Amino acid sequence: MSELAIHTNVANREKYACLVLKKAQRLGLKVAVLFDDENLMDDFDNLLWTFEPSAFIPHAIAGTAGAVGNAYILSSNPNLLGNAEMLVLLTNRPTPAINDLMQKYPKMIDIVPQQDPGLTDGRKRFVAYRKYGITPVVHKRN
């Protein structure tokens, strides 16, 4: 089973996720990102194009023509993510298939913001992880 790390106390969840992808790119890791819905996924897709003008993080929405090669795959459907070395969870609700995902991805990161509503959602996900027998590693960010 993989490691699930929860990064807490994050000022801006989506920008932090962009930084995680940028670091993964430097390290040569293949990454997938899971969302609850397509609207959140589309917003993040747009942010990846603009968050840092001098950087380019190759990414594509699962099932599109760009979802090949070294592109990071974005999806609201876990079955479309494909293989990767790391899964970033930008979900708000607990993921029912979390144990299946932990079998598939060696490393997983759940990002929890400093304030509500995301903070409360993160606490609910943590409780759900424990219910599924998962003990996440918690990293509090400054």
N, C-alpha and C. Protein backbone atom coordinates (compact mmCIF):
# COMPACT_ATOMS: atom_id res chain seq x y z
N MET A 1 0.84 -1.18 0.00
CA MET A 1 0.00 0.00 0.00
C MET A 1 0.89 1.25 0.00
N SER A 2 0.39 2.29 -0.57
CA SER A 2 1.16 3.53 -0.72
C SER A 2 1.12 4.39 0.54
N GLU A 3 1.81 5.49 0.45
CA GLU A 3 1.80 6.48 1.53
C GLU A 3 0.84 7.59 1.17
N LEU A 4 0.00 7.94 2.13
CA LEU A 4 -0.90 9.08 1.96
C LEU A 4 -0.41 10.19 2.87
N ALA A 5 -0.01 11.30 2.27
CA ALA A 5 0.45 12.46 3.03
C ALA A 5 -0.62 13.55 2.94
N ILE A 6 -0.91 14.15 4.09
CA ILE A 6 -1.84 15.27 4.13
C ILE A 6 -1.02 16.52 4.42
N HIS A 7 -1.09 17.49 3.53
CA HIS A 7 -0.40 18.76 3.72
C HIS A 7 -1.45 19.75 4.21
N THR A 8 -1.28 20.21 5.46
CA THR A 8 -2.28 21.08 6.09
C THR A 8 -1.76 22.51 6.22
N ASN A 9 -2.69 23.39 6.59
CA ASN A 9 -2.37 24.80 6.85
C ASN A 9 -1.89 25.51 5.58
N VAL A 10 -2.45 25.13 4.45
CA VAL A 10 -2.06 25.68 3.16
C VAL A 10 -2.93 26.91 2.87
N ALA A 11 -2.29 28.03 2.54
CA ALA A 11 -3.03 29.27 2.30
C ALA A 11 -3.93 29.18 1.06
N ASN A 12 -3.42 28.62 -0.03
CA ASN A 12 -4.20 28.51 -1.26
C ASN A 12 -3.98 27.11 -1.82
N ARG A 13 -4.99 26.29 -1.68
CA ARG A 13 -4.90 24.87 -2.03
C ARG A 13 -4.49 24.65 -3.49
N GLU A 14 -5.10 25.36 -4.41
CA GLU A 14 -4.84 25.15 -5.82
C GLU A 14 -3.44 25.61 -6.21
N LYS A 15 -3.01 26.77 -5.71
CA LYS A 15 -1.65 27.24 -6.01
C LYS A 15 -0.61 26.32 -5.39
N TYR A 16 -0.89 25.81 -4.22
CA TYR A 16 0.02 24.85 -3.60
C TYR A 16 0.12 23.59 -4.46
N ALA A 17 -1.01 23.13 -5.00
CA ALA A 17 -0.99 21.96 -5.88
C ALA A 17 -0.15 22.24 -7.13
N CYS A 18 -0.21 23.46 -7.65
CA CYS A 18 0.64 23.83 -8.79
C CYS A 18 2.11 23.70 -8.42
N LEU A 19 2.46 24.13 -7.22
CA LEU A 19 3.85 24.02 -6.76
C LEU A 19 4.27 22.56 -6.59
N VAL A 20 3.34 21.73 -6.12
CA VAL A 20 3.62 20.29 -6.01
C VAL A 20 3.91 19.71 -7.39
N LEU A 21 3.10 20.09 -8.38
CA LEU A 21 3.33 19.59 -9.74
C LEU A 21 4.64 20.11 -10.31
N LYS A 22 4.97 21.36 -10.02
CA LYS A 22 6.23 21.93 -10.50
C LYS A 22 7.42 21.16 -9.91
N LYS A 23 7.35 20.84 -8.62
CA LYS A 23 8.41 20.06 -7.99
C LYS A 23 8.48 18.66 -8.58
N ALA A 24 7.34 18.04 -8.79
CA ALA A 24 7.29 16.71 -9.38
C ALA A 24 7.91 16.73 -10.78
N GLN A 25 7.66 17.80 -11.51
CA GLN A 25 8.24 17.94 -12.85
C GLN A 25 9.76 17.97 -12.76
N ARG A 26 10.30 18.75 -11.81
CA ARG A 26 11.75 18.81 -11.61
C ARG A 26 12.32 17.44 -11.29
N LEU A 27 11.56 16.65 -10.52
CA LEU A 27 12.01 15.32 -10.11
C LEU A 27 11.73 14.25 -11.16
N GLY A 28 11.02 14.62 -12.21
CA GLY A 28 10.70 13.67 -13.27
C GLY A 28 9.62 12.67 -12.91
N LEU A 29 8.73 13.03 -11.99
CA LEU A 29 7.65 12.14 -11.58
C LEU A 29 6.41 12.32 -12.44
N LYS A 30 5.76 11.22 -12.73
CA LYS A 30 4.48 11.26 -13.44
C LYS A 30 3.38 11.41 -12.39
N VAL A 31 2.49 12.38 -12.61
CA VAL A 31 1.48 12.72 -11.60
C VAL A 31 0.08 12.75 -12.22
N ALA A 32 -0.89 12.34 -11.43
CA ALA A 32 -2.30 12.47 -11.78
C ALA A 32 -2.97 13.31 -10.69
N VAL A 33 -4.02 14.04 -11.07
CA VAL A 33 -4.73 14.89 -10.12
C VAL A 33 -6.23 14.55 -10.20
N LEU A 34 -6.82 14.27 -9.04
CA LEU A 34 -8.23 13.88 -8.98
C LEU A 34 -9.05 15.00 -8.35
N PHE A 35 -10.23 15.24 -8.94
CA PHE A 35 -11.17 16.28 -8.50
C PHE A 35 -12.53 15.66 -8.24
N ASP A 36 -13.38 16.38 -7.50
CA ASP A 36 -14.76 15.95 -7.28
C ASP A 36 -15.63 16.19 -8.50
N ASP A 37 -15.36 17.29 -9.19
CA ASP A 37 -16.22 17.62 -10.33
C ASP A 37 -15.43 18.34 -11.42
N GLU A 38 -16.05 18.42 -12.58
CA GLU A 38 -15.38 18.99 -13.74
C GLU A 38 -15.15 20.50 -13.62
N ASN A 39 -16.01 21.20 -12.92
CA ASN A 39 -15.81 22.65 -12.76
C ASN A 39 -14.52 22.94 -12.00
N LEU A 40 -14.28 22.22 -10.91
CA LEU A 40 -13.04 22.39 -10.15
C LEU A 40 -11.84 22.01 -11.01
N MET A 41 -11.99 20.95 -11.79
CA MET A 41 -10.91 20.51 -12.67
C MET A 41 -10.61 21.57 -13.73
N ASP A 42 -11.62 22.15 -14.33
CA ASP A 42 -11.43 23.18 -15.35
C ASP A 42 -10.76 24.42 -14.76
N ASP A 43 -11.16 24.80 -13.55
CA ASP A 43 -10.53 25.95 -12.88
C ASP A 43 -9.05 25.69 -12.64
N PHE A 44 -8.72 24.48 -12.21
CA PHE A 44 -7.31 24.13 -11.96
C PHE A 44 -6.54 24.07 -13.28
N ASP A 45 -7.15 23.54 -14.31
CA ASP A 45 -6.53 23.50 -15.64
C ASP A 45 -6.14 24.91 -16.07
N ASN A 46 -7.06 25.86 -15.91
CA ASN A 46 -6.77 27.26 -16.26
C ASN A 46 -5.67 27.85 -15.39
N LEU A 47 -5.67 27.52 -14.10
CA LEU A 47 -4.65 28.03 -13.20
C LEU A 47 -3.26 27.53 -13.59
N LEU A 48 -3.17 26.28 -14.02
CA LEU A 48 -1.86 25.74 -14.43
C LEU A 48 -1.25 26.54 -15.59
N TRP A 49 -2.07 27.14 -16.42
CA TRP A 49 -1.56 27.93 -17.54
C TRP A 49 -1.09 29.31 -17.10
N THR A 50 -1.57 29.78 -15.94
CA THR A 50 -1.31 31.18 -15.57
C THR A 50 -0.58 31.39 -14.25
N PHE A 51 -0.44 30.37 -13.42
CA PHE A 51 0.06 30.60 -12.06
C PHE A 51 1.48 31.12 -12.02
N GLU A 52 2.29 30.77 -12.99
CA GLU A 52 3.66 31.26 -13.05
C GLU A 52 4.01 31.49 -14.51
N PRO A 53 4.07 32.73 -14.95
CA PRO A 53 4.24 33.03 -16.37
C PRO A 53 5.45 32.39 -17.04
N SER A 54 6.53 32.19 -16.30
CA SER A 54 7.74 31.64 -16.92
C SER A 54 7.82 30.12 -16.85
N ALA A 55 6.83 29.49 -16.25
CA ALA A 55 6.86 28.02 -16.10
C ALA A 55 5.81 27.38 -17.01
N PHE A 56 6.09 26.15 -17.41
CA PHE A 56 5.10 25.37 -18.15
C PHE A 56 5.05 23.98 -17.54
N ILE A 57 3.89 23.60 -17.09
CA ILE A 57 3.67 22.26 -16.57
C ILE A 57 2.77 21.53 -17.55
N PRO A 58 3.32 20.54 -18.27
CA PRO A 58 2.50 19.84 -19.26
C PRO A 58 1.37 19.08 -18.56
N HIS A 59 0.17 19.34 -18.99
CA HIS A 59 -0.99 18.71 -18.36
C HIS A 59 -2.12 18.60 -19.38
N ALA A 60 -3.04 17.71 -19.09
CA ALA A 60 -4.20 17.52 -19.97
C ALA A 60 -5.32 16.87 -19.18
N ILE A 61 -6.51 17.09 -19.66
CA ILE A 61 -7.68 16.44 -19.06
C ILE A 61 -7.77 15.03 -19.63
N ALA A 62 -7.99 14.07 -18.74
CA ALA A 62 -8.07 12.66 -19.14
C ALA A 62 -9.06 12.48 -20.29
N GLY A 63 -8.67 11.67 -21.24
CA GLY A 63 -9.54 11.38 -22.37
C GLY A 63 -9.42 12.33 -23.53
N THR A 64 -8.58 13.38 -23.39
CA THR A 64 -8.39 14.32 -24.49
C THR A 64 -7.11 13.95 -25.25
N ALA A 65 -6.93 14.57 -26.40
CA ALA A 65 -5.77 14.27 -27.24
C ALA A 65 -4.45 14.59 -26.55
N GLY A 66 -4.43 15.56 -25.66
CA GLY A 66 -3.20 15.94 -24.99
C GLY A 66 -2.78 15.02 -23.85
N ALA A 67 -3.63 14.09 -23.50
CA ALA A 67 -3.37 13.21 -22.35
C ALA A 67 -2.45 12.05 -22.74
N VAL A 68 -1.28 12.40 -23.23
CA VAL A 68 -0.28 11.41 -23.63
C VAL A 68 1.10 11.86 -23.16
N GLY A 69 2.05 10.97 -23.26
CA GLY A 69 3.44 11.33 -22.96
C GLY A 69 3.65 11.75 -21.52
N ASN A 70 4.29 12.90 -21.35
CA ASN A 70 4.66 13.38 -20.02
C ASN A 70 3.64 14.31 -19.39
N ALA A 71 2.49 14.43 -20.01
CA ALA A 71 1.46 15.33 -19.47
C ALA A 71 0.91 14.79 -18.15
N TYR A 72 0.70 15.70 -17.19
CA TYR A 72 0.03 15.33 -15.96
C TYR A 72 -1.46 15.25 -16.27
N ILE A 73 -2.10 14.20 -15.79
CA ILE A 73 -3.49 13.94 -16.15
C ILE A 73 -4.42 14.45 -15.06
N LEU A 74 -5.42 15.21 -15.47
CA LEU A 74 -6.44 15.76 -14.59
C LEU A 74 -7.76 15.04 -14.88
N SER A 75 -8.47 14.64 -13.82
CA SER A 75 -9.76 13.98 -14.05
C SER A 75 -10.63 14.05 -12.82
N SER A 76 -11.94 14.03 -13.05
CA SER A 76 -12.90 13.90 -11.96
C SER A 76 -13.35 12.44 -11.84
N ASN A 77 -12.81 11.58 -12.70
CA ASN A 77 -13.12 10.15 -12.69
C ASN A 77 -11.84 9.36 -12.42
N PRO A 78 -11.73 8.71 -11.26
CA PRO A 78 -10.49 8.01 -10.93
C PRO A 78 -10.14 6.90 -11.93
N ASN A 79 -11.14 6.36 -12.62
CA ASN A 79 -10.89 5.30 -13.59
C ASN A 79 -10.18 5.78 -14.86
N LEU A 80 -10.15 7.10 -15.08
CA LEU A 80 -9.54 7.65 -16.29
C LEU A 80 -8.13 8.18 -16.05
N LEU A 81 -7.64 8.11 -14.83
CA LEU A 81 -6.36 8.73 -14.51
C LEU A 81 -5.15 8.00 -15.08
N GLY A 82 -5.24 6.72 -15.26
CA GLY A 82 -4.09 5.98 -15.75
C GLY A 82 -3.04 5.80 -14.67
N ASN A 83 -1.85 5.38 -15.07
CA ASN A 83 -0.78 5.12 -14.13
C ASN A 83 0.04 6.37 -13.87
N ALA A 84 0.50 6.50 -12.66
CA ALA A 84 1.36 7.61 -12.27
C ALA A 84 2.09 7.21 -11.00
N GLU A 85 3.13 7.95 -10.69
CA GLU A 85 3.89 7.68 -9.47
C GLU A 85 3.31 8.41 -8.27
N MET A 86 2.48 9.43 -8.55
CA MET A 86 1.88 10.20 -7.47
C MET A 86 0.48 10.66 -7.88
N LEU A 87 -0.42 10.65 -6.91
CA LEU A 87 -1.77 11.15 -7.11
C LEU A 87 -1.99 12.31 -6.15
N VAL A 88 -2.39 13.45 -6.69
CA VAL A 88 -2.75 14.61 -5.88
C VAL A 88 -4.27 14.64 -5.79
N LEU A 89 -4.77 14.66 -4.56
CA LEU A 89 -6.22 14.68 -4.34
C LEU A 89 -6.67 16.11 -4.09
N LEU A 90 -7.41 16.66 -5.05
CA LEU A 90 -8.03 17.97 -4.87
C LEU A 90 -9.53 17.78 -4.77
N THR A 91 -9.90 16.78 -4.00
CA THR A 91 -11.30 16.47 -3.76
C THR A 91 -11.76 17.16 -2.48
N ASN A 92 -13.04 17.42 -2.39
CA ASN A 92 -13.60 18.01 -1.18
C ASN A 92 -14.26 16.95 -0.32
N ARG A 93 -14.82 15.95 -0.96
CA ARG A 93 -15.49 14.87 -0.24
C ARG A 93 -14.53 13.69 -0.09
N PRO A 94 -14.77 12.84 0.91
CA PRO A 94 -13.97 11.61 1.00
C PRO A 94 -14.13 10.78 -0.27
N THR A 95 -13.05 10.17 -0.69
CA THR A 95 -13.05 9.36 -1.91
C THR A 95 -13.38 7.92 -1.54
N PRO A 96 -14.55 7.40 -1.97
CA PRO A 96 -14.95 6.05 -1.58
C PRO A 96 -13.96 4.97 -2.02
N ALA A 97 -13.29 5.17 -3.14
CA ALA A 97 -12.37 4.16 -3.66
C ALA A 97 -10.94 4.39 -3.19
N ILE A 98 -10.76 5.00 -2.01
CA ILE A 98 -9.43 5.38 -1.55
C ILE A 98 -8.50 4.17 -1.43
N ASN A 99 -8.99 3.04 -0.94
CA ASN A 99 -8.12 1.86 -0.82
C ASN A 99 -7.67 1.36 -2.18
N ASP A 100 -8.54 1.40 -3.17
CA ASP A 100 -8.15 1.01 -4.53
C ASP A 100 -7.09 1.96 -5.07
N LEU A 101 -7.27 3.25 -4.83
CA LEU A 101 -6.30 4.24 -5.29
C LEU A 101 -4.95 4.04 -4.60
N MET A 102 -4.98 3.68 -3.33
CA MET A 102 -3.73 3.46 -2.60
C MET A 102 -2.98 2.24 -3.12
N GLN A 103 -3.69 1.30 -3.69
CA GLN A 103 -3.03 0.14 -4.30
C GLN A 103 -2.37 0.53 -5.63
N LYS A 104 -2.92 1.53 -6.29
CA LYS A 104 -2.47 1.90 -7.63
C LYS A 104 -1.34 2.93 -7.62
N TYR A 105 -1.38 3.89 -6.69
CA TYR A 105 -0.42 5.00 -6.70
C TYR A 105 0.53 4.90 -5.51
N PRO A 106 1.84 4.87 -5.76
CA PRO A 106 2.81 4.73 -4.67
C PRO A 106 2.78 5.88 -3.66
N LYS A 107 2.46 7.08 -4.12
CA LYS A 107 2.44 8.24 -3.23
C LYS A 107 1.18 9.05 -3.53
N MET A 108 0.52 9.49 -2.46
CA MET A 108 -0.68 10.31 -2.61
C MET A 108 -0.57 11.50 -1.69
N ILE A 109 -1.06 12.65 -2.17
CA ILE A 109 -1.05 13.87 -1.38
C ILE A 109 -2.45 14.47 -1.36
N ASP A 110 -2.93 14.75 -0.17
CA ASP A 110 -4.21 15.45 0.04
C ASP A 110 -3.84 16.82 0.62
N ILE A 111 -4.33 17.88 0.01
CA ILE A 111 -3.98 19.23 0.41
C ILE A 111 -5.17 19.87 1.12
N VAL A 112 -4.92 20.35 2.35
CA VAL A 112 -5.99 20.92 3.19
C VAL A 112 -5.68 22.40 3.45
N PRO A 113 -6.61 23.29 3.10
CA PRO A 113 -6.38 24.72 3.32
C PRO A 113 -6.50 25.11 4.79
N GLN A 114 -6.08 26.35 5.07
CA GLN A 114 -6.11 26.89 6.43
C GLN A 114 -7.51 27.19 6.92
N GLN A 115 -8.42 27.53 6.02
CA GLN A 115 -9.72 28.05 6.43
C GLN A 115 -10.86 27.23 5.85
N ASP A 116 -12.04 27.46 6.42
CA ASP A 116 -13.25 26.81 5.93
C ASP A 116 -13.73 27.46 4.65
N PRO A 117 -14.44 26.71 3.83
CA PRO A 117 -15.00 25.39 4.07
C PRO A 117 -14.00 24.25 3.88
N GLY A 118 -12.88 24.52 3.24
CA GLY A 118 -11.90 23.47 2.94
C GLY A 118 -11.30 22.80 4.15
N LEU A 119 -11.13 23.53 5.23
CA LEU A 119 -10.55 22.96 6.45
C LEU A 119 -11.47 21.89 7.03
N THR A 120 -12.76 22.20 7.14
CA THR A 120 -13.72 21.22 7.64
C THR A 120 -13.81 20.01 6.72
N ASP A 121 -13.80 20.25 5.41
CA ASP A 121 -13.81 19.14 4.45
C ASP A 121 -12.58 18.26 4.64
N GLY A 122 -11.43 18.87 4.87
CA GLY A 122 -10.19 18.11 5.09
C GLY A 122 -10.27 17.25 6.34
N ARG A 123 -10.88 17.79 7.38
CA ARG A 123 -11.05 17.00 8.61
C ARG A 123 -11.96 15.80 8.37
N LYS A 124 -13.01 16.00 7.57
CA LYS A 124 -13.91 14.89 7.24
C LYS A 124 -13.18 13.82 6.44
N ARG A 125 -12.31 14.25 5.51
CA ARG A 125 -11.54 13.27 4.73
C ARG A 125 -10.59 12.50 5.64
N PHE A 126 -9.96 13.20 6.60
CA PHE A 126 -9.05 12.54 7.53
C PHE A 126 -9.78 11.46 8.32
N VAL A 127 -10.96 11.78 8.84
CA VAL A 127 -11.76 10.81 9.59
C VAL A 127 -12.11 9.62 8.69
N ALA A 128 -12.46 9.89 7.45
CA ALA A 128 -12.79 8.81 6.51
C ALA A 128 -11.57 7.93 6.25
N TYR A 129 -10.39 8.53 6.10
CA TYR A 129 -9.17 7.74 5.89
C TYR A 129 -8.96 6.78 7.06
N ARG A 130 -9.11 7.31 8.27
CA ARG A 130 -8.92 6.47 9.45
C ARG A 130 -9.97 5.35 9.49
N LYS A 131 -11.19 5.67 9.08
CA LYS A 131 -12.26 4.66 9.04
C LYS A 131 -11.90 3.53 8.07
N TYR A 132 -11.22 3.88 6.98
CA TYR A 132 -10.80 2.88 5.99
C TYR A 132 -9.50 2.18 6.39
N GLY A 133 -8.98 2.47 7.59
CA GLY A 133 -7.78 1.81 8.07
C GLY A 133 -6.49 2.44 7.58
N ILE A 134 -6.56 3.67 7.12
CA ILE A 134 -5.39 4.37 6.59
C ILE A 134 -4.91 5.37 7.63
N THR A 135 -3.61 5.36 7.89
CA THR A 135 -3.02 6.33 8.80
C THR A 135 -2.19 7.31 7.99
N PRO A 136 -2.75 8.47 7.66
CA PRO A 136 -2.01 9.44 6.85
C PRO A 136 -0.84 10.05 7.63
N VAL A 137 0.17 10.45 6.88
CA VAL A 137 1.29 11.22 7.43
C VAL A 137 0.90 12.68 7.25
N VAL A 138 0.91 13.45 8.35
CA VAL A 138 0.47 14.84 8.29
C VAL A 138 1.69 15.77 8.28
N HIS A 139 1.71 16.67 7.31
CA HIS A 139 2.75 17.69 7.19
C HIS A 139 2.09 19.05 7.31
N LYS A 140 2.38 19.76 8.41
CA LYS A 140 1.81 21.08 8.60
C LYS A 140 2.72 22.11 7.92
N ARG A 141 2.17 22.87 6.99
CA ARG A 141 2.92 23.88 6.26
C ARG A 141 2.80 25.22 6.95
N ASN A 142 3.78 26.05 6.75
CA ASN A 142 3.77 27.39 7.36
C ASN A 142 3.16 28.41 6.44
